[in-house]
Amino acid sequence: MDYIYLAASLMIGLGALGTGIGFALLGGKMLEATARQPEMGAELQTKTFIMAGLLDAVPMIGVGIAMYLIFVVAG
């Protein structure tokens, strides 16, 4: 068995799992903060979208490295 494919699949899978957990925590905290201070809803939403973009960047880097492993190193 070639361990490069296993490593690539773990990178993609765990990156997706971590992103899902991160989005759940981020969304929950935003709802809590908006419920406590409704007048700050627009500012909180803006900051949440910025954090969501940063949160999405991490698994995309993992996917890029995994594709490199699959197509360049193993190929």
N, C-alpha and C. Protein backbone atom coordinates (compact mmCIF):
# COMPACT_ATOMS: atom_id res chain seq x y z
N MET A 1 0.84 -1.18 0.00
CA MET A 1 0.00 0.00 0.00
C MET A 1 0.88 1.24 0.00
N ASP A 2 0.48 2.17 -0.80
CA ASP A 2 1.26 3.40 -0.89
C ASP A 2 0.74 4.38 0.17
N TYR A 3 1.60 4.78 1.08
CA TYR A 3 1.18 5.62 2.20
C TYR A 3 0.96 7.08 1.80
N ILE A 4 1.37 7.46 0.61
CA ILE A 4 1.15 8.84 0.16
C ILE A 4 -0.34 9.09 -0.03
N TYR A 5 -1.05 8.12 -0.57
CA TYR A 5 -2.49 8.28 -0.76
C TYR A 5 -3.23 8.34 0.58
N LEU A 6 -2.78 7.56 1.53
CA LEU A 6 -3.37 7.60 2.87
C LEU A 6 -3.13 8.96 3.52
N ALA A 7 -1.91 9.47 3.38
CA ALA A 7 -1.59 10.78 3.95
C ALA A 7 -2.42 11.88 3.30
N ALA A 8 -2.57 11.83 1.98
CA ALA A 8 -3.36 12.84 1.28
C ALA A 8 -4.82 12.78 1.69
N SER A 9 -5.37 11.58 1.82
CA SER A 9 -6.78 11.47 2.21
C SER A 9 -6.99 11.94 3.65
N LEU A 10 -6.03 11.68 4.52
CA LEU A 10 -6.14 12.18 5.89
C LEU A 10 -6.05 13.70 5.94
N MET A 11 -5.19 14.27 5.12
CA MET A 11 -5.07 15.73 5.09
C MET A 11 -6.38 16.37 4.65
N ILE A 12 -6.98 15.83 3.62
CA ILE A 12 -8.24 16.41 3.12
C ILE A 12 -9.38 16.16 4.10
N GLY A 13 -9.48 14.95 4.61
CA GLY A 13 -10.58 14.60 5.52
C GLY A 13 -10.52 15.35 6.84
N LEU A 14 -9.35 15.39 7.45
CA LEU A 14 -9.23 16.10 8.73
C LEU A 14 -9.33 17.61 8.56
N GLY A 15 -8.89 18.11 7.40
CA GLY A 15 -9.09 19.53 7.12
C GLY A 15 -10.56 19.88 7.01
N ALA A 16 -11.33 19.01 6.36
CA ALA A 16 -12.78 19.24 6.24
C ALA A 16 -13.46 19.13 7.60
N LEU A 17 -13.04 18.18 8.41
CA LEU A 17 -13.62 18.01 9.74
C LEU A 17 -13.33 19.24 10.61
N GLY A 18 -12.09 19.69 10.58
CA GLY A 18 -11.73 20.87 11.36
C GLY A 18 -12.46 22.12 10.92
N THR A 19 -12.66 22.26 9.62
CA THR A 19 -13.39 23.41 9.11
C THR A 19 -14.85 23.35 9.53
N GLY A 20 -15.44 22.18 9.49
CA GLY A 20 -16.83 22.04 9.93
C GLY A 20 -17.00 22.40 11.39
N ILE A 21 -16.09 21.94 12.23
CA ILE A 21 -16.14 22.29 13.66
C ILE A 21 -15.93 23.78 13.84
N GLY A 22 -14.99 24.35 13.10
CA GLY A 22 -14.71 25.78 13.21
C GLY A 22 -15.90 26.63 12.80
N PHE A 23 -16.57 26.26 11.72
CA PHE A 23 -17.75 27.01 11.28
C PHE A 23 -18.89 26.88 12.29
N ALA A 24 -19.04 25.71 12.90
CA ALA A 24 -20.08 25.54 13.90
C ALA A 24 -19.83 26.43 15.11
N LEU A 25 -18.60 26.46 15.58
CA LEU A 25 -18.26 27.32 16.72
C LEU A 25 -18.41 28.79 16.37
N LEU A 26 -17.94 29.16 15.18
CA LEU A 26 -18.02 30.55 14.75
C LEU A 26 -19.47 31.03 14.64
N GLY A 27 -20.30 30.21 14.01
CA GLY A 27 -21.71 30.59 13.87
C GLY A 27 -22.43 30.64 15.20
N GLY A 28 -22.14 29.71 16.08
CA GLY A 28 -22.78 29.71 17.39
C GLY A 28 -22.40 30.93 18.21
N LYS A 29 -21.13 31.26 18.20
CA LYS A 29 -20.68 32.44 18.95
C LYS A 29 -21.23 33.73 18.37
N MET A 30 -21.37 33.77 17.05
CA MET A 30 -21.95 34.97 16.45
C MET A 30 -23.41 35.14 16.84
N LEU A 31 -24.16 34.04 16.86
CA LEU A 31 -25.55 34.12 17.27
C LEU A 31 -25.69 34.52 18.73
N GLU A 32 -24.81 33.99 19.59
CA GLU A 32 -24.84 34.37 20.99
C GLU A 32 -24.55 35.86 21.17
N ALA A 33 -23.53 36.34 20.48
CA ALA A 33 -23.16 37.75 20.60
C ALA A 33 -24.24 38.66 20.05
N THR A 34 -24.87 38.26 18.95
CA THR A 34 -25.94 39.07 18.37
C THR A 34 -27.17 39.08 19.28
N ALA A 35 -27.43 37.97 19.96
CA ALA A 35 -28.57 37.92 20.87
C ALA A 35 -28.33 38.82 22.09
N ARG A 36 -27.08 38.92 22.51
CA ARG A 36 -26.77 39.76 23.67
C ARG A 36 -26.79 41.24 23.32
N GLN A 37 -26.24 41.58 22.14
CA GLN A 37 -26.18 42.99 21.73
C GLN A 37 -26.66 43.12 20.29
N PRO A 38 -27.96 43.22 20.08
CA PRO A 38 -28.50 43.27 18.72
C PRO A 38 -28.04 44.48 17.91
N GLU A 39 -27.69 45.56 18.57
CA GLU A 39 -27.26 46.75 17.84
C GLU A 39 -25.90 46.56 17.17
N MET A 40 -25.14 45.56 17.58
CA MET A 40 -23.83 45.30 16.96
C MET A 40 -23.90 44.20 15.91
N GLY A 41 -25.11 43.85 15.47
CA GLY A 41 -25.28 42.74 14.55
C GLY A 41 -24.53 42.90 13.24
N ALA A 42 -24.57 44.10 12.65
CA ALA A 42 -23.91 44.31 11.36
C ALA A 42 -22.39 44.20 11.49
N GLU A 43 -21.84 44.77 12.56
CA GLU A 43 -20.39 44.69 12.77
C GLU A 43 -19.94 43.26 13.04
N LEU A 44 -20.73 42.53 13.83
CA LEU A 44 -20.40 41.14 14.11
C LEU A 44 -20.48 40.28 12.85
N GLN A 45 -21.46 40.57 12.00
CA GLN A 45 -21.60 39.80 10.77
C GLN A 45 -20.40 40.03 9.85
N THR A 46 -19.94 41.26 9.77
CA THR A 46 -18.77 41.56 8.94
C THR A 46 -17.54 40.81 9.45
N LYS A 47 -17.33 40.87 10.75
CA LYS A 47 -16.17 40.17 11.33
C LYS A 47 -16.29 38.66 11.16
N THR A 48 -17.53 38.14 11.24
CA THR A 48 -17.73 36.71 11.06
C THR A 48 -17.40 36.28 9.64
N PHE A 49 -17.78 37.09 8.65
CA PHE A 49 -17.46 36.75 7.26
C PHE A 49 -15.96 36.80 7.00
N ILE A 50 -15.27 37.74 7.61
CA ILE A 50 -13.81 37.80 7.46
C ILE A 50 -13.19 36.55 8.07
N MET A 51 -13.64 36.16 9.25
CA MET A 51 -13.10 34.96 9.90
C MET A 51 -13.46 33.70 9.11
N ALA A 52 -14.63 33.67 8.48
CA ALA A 52 -15.01 32.52 7.67
C ALA A 52 -14.08 32.38 6.46
N GLY A 53 -13.71 33.49 5.87
CA GLY A 53 -12.77 33.43 4.75
C GLY A 53 -11.41 32.92 5.18
N LEU A 54 -10.95 33.36 6.34
CA LEU A 54 -9.67 32.87 6.85
C LEU A 54 -9.76 31.39 7.24
N LEU A 55 -10.91 31.01 7.76
CA LEU A 55 -11.11 29.61 8.16
C LEU A 55 -11.12 28.69 6.94
N ASP A 56 -11.62 29.18 5.83
CA ASP A 56 -11.64 28.39 4.59
C ASP A 56 -10.25 28.25 3.96
N ALA A 57 -9.35 29.15 4.25
CA ALA A 57 -8.03 29.11 3.62
C ALA A 57 -7.21 27.91 4.08
N VAL A 58 -7.35 27.52 5.33
CA VAL A 58 -6.52 26.44 5.88
C VAL A 58 -6.77 25.10 5.18
N PRO A 59 -8.01 24.63 5.01
CA PRO A 59 -8.18 23.35 4.31
C PRO A 59 -7.82 23.43 2.82
N MET A 60 -7.95 24.61 2.22
CA MET A 60 -7.55 24.73 0.82
C MET A 60 -6.04 24.54 0.66
N ILE A 61 -5.28 25.02 1.62
CA ILE A 61 -3.84 24.77 1.60
C ILE A 61 -3.57 23.28 1.75
N GLY A 62 -4.33 22.62 2.64
CA GLY A 62 -4.19 21.17 2.81
C GLY A 62 -4.55 20.41 1.55
N VAL A 63 -5.58 20.83 0.85
CA VAL A 63 -5.96 20.19 -0.42
C VAL A 63 -4.86 20.38 -1.46
N GLY A 64 -4.28 21.57 -1.50
CA GLY A 64 -3.19 21.83 -2.43
C GLY A 64 -1.99 20.94 -2.17
N ILE A 65 -1.63 20.79 -0.91
CA ILE A 65 -0.50 19.92 -0.56
C ILE A 65 -0.83 18.46 -0.87
N ALA A 66 -2.08 18.06 -0.59
CA ALA A 66 -2.49 16.68 -0.88
C ALA A 66 -2.44 16.40 -2.38
N MET A 67 -2.89 17.34 -3.20
CA MET A 67 -2.81 17.15 -4.65
C MET A 67 -1.37 17.09 -5.13
N TYR A 68 -0.53 17.88 -4.50
CA TYR A 68 0.91 17.80 -4.82
C TYR A 68 1.45 16.41 -4.51
N LEU A 69 1.08 15.88 -3.35
CA LEU A 69 1.55 14.55 -3.00
C LEU A 69 1.05 13.49 -3.97
N ILE A 70 -0.22 13.59 -4.35
CA ILE A 70 -0.81 12.57 -5.22
C ILE A 70 -0.22 12.62 -6.62
N PHE A 71 -0.16 13.82 -7.22
CA PHE A 71 0.19 13.92 -8.62
C PHE A 71 1.68 14.10 -8.89
N VAL A 72 2.43 14.64 -7.94
CA VAL A 72 3.84 14.87 -8.19
C VAL A 72 4.70 13.83 -7.50
N VAL A 73 4.48 13.63 -6.21
CA VAL A 73 5.35 12.72 -5.47
C VAL A 73 5.02 11.27 -5.81
N ALA A 74 3.74 10.91 -5.80
CA ALA A 74 3.37 9.52 -6.08
C ALA A 74 3.34 9.20 -7.57
N GLY A 75 3.18 10.22 -8.39
CA GLY A 75 3.04 10.01 -9.84
C GLY A 75 4.34 9.81 -10.46
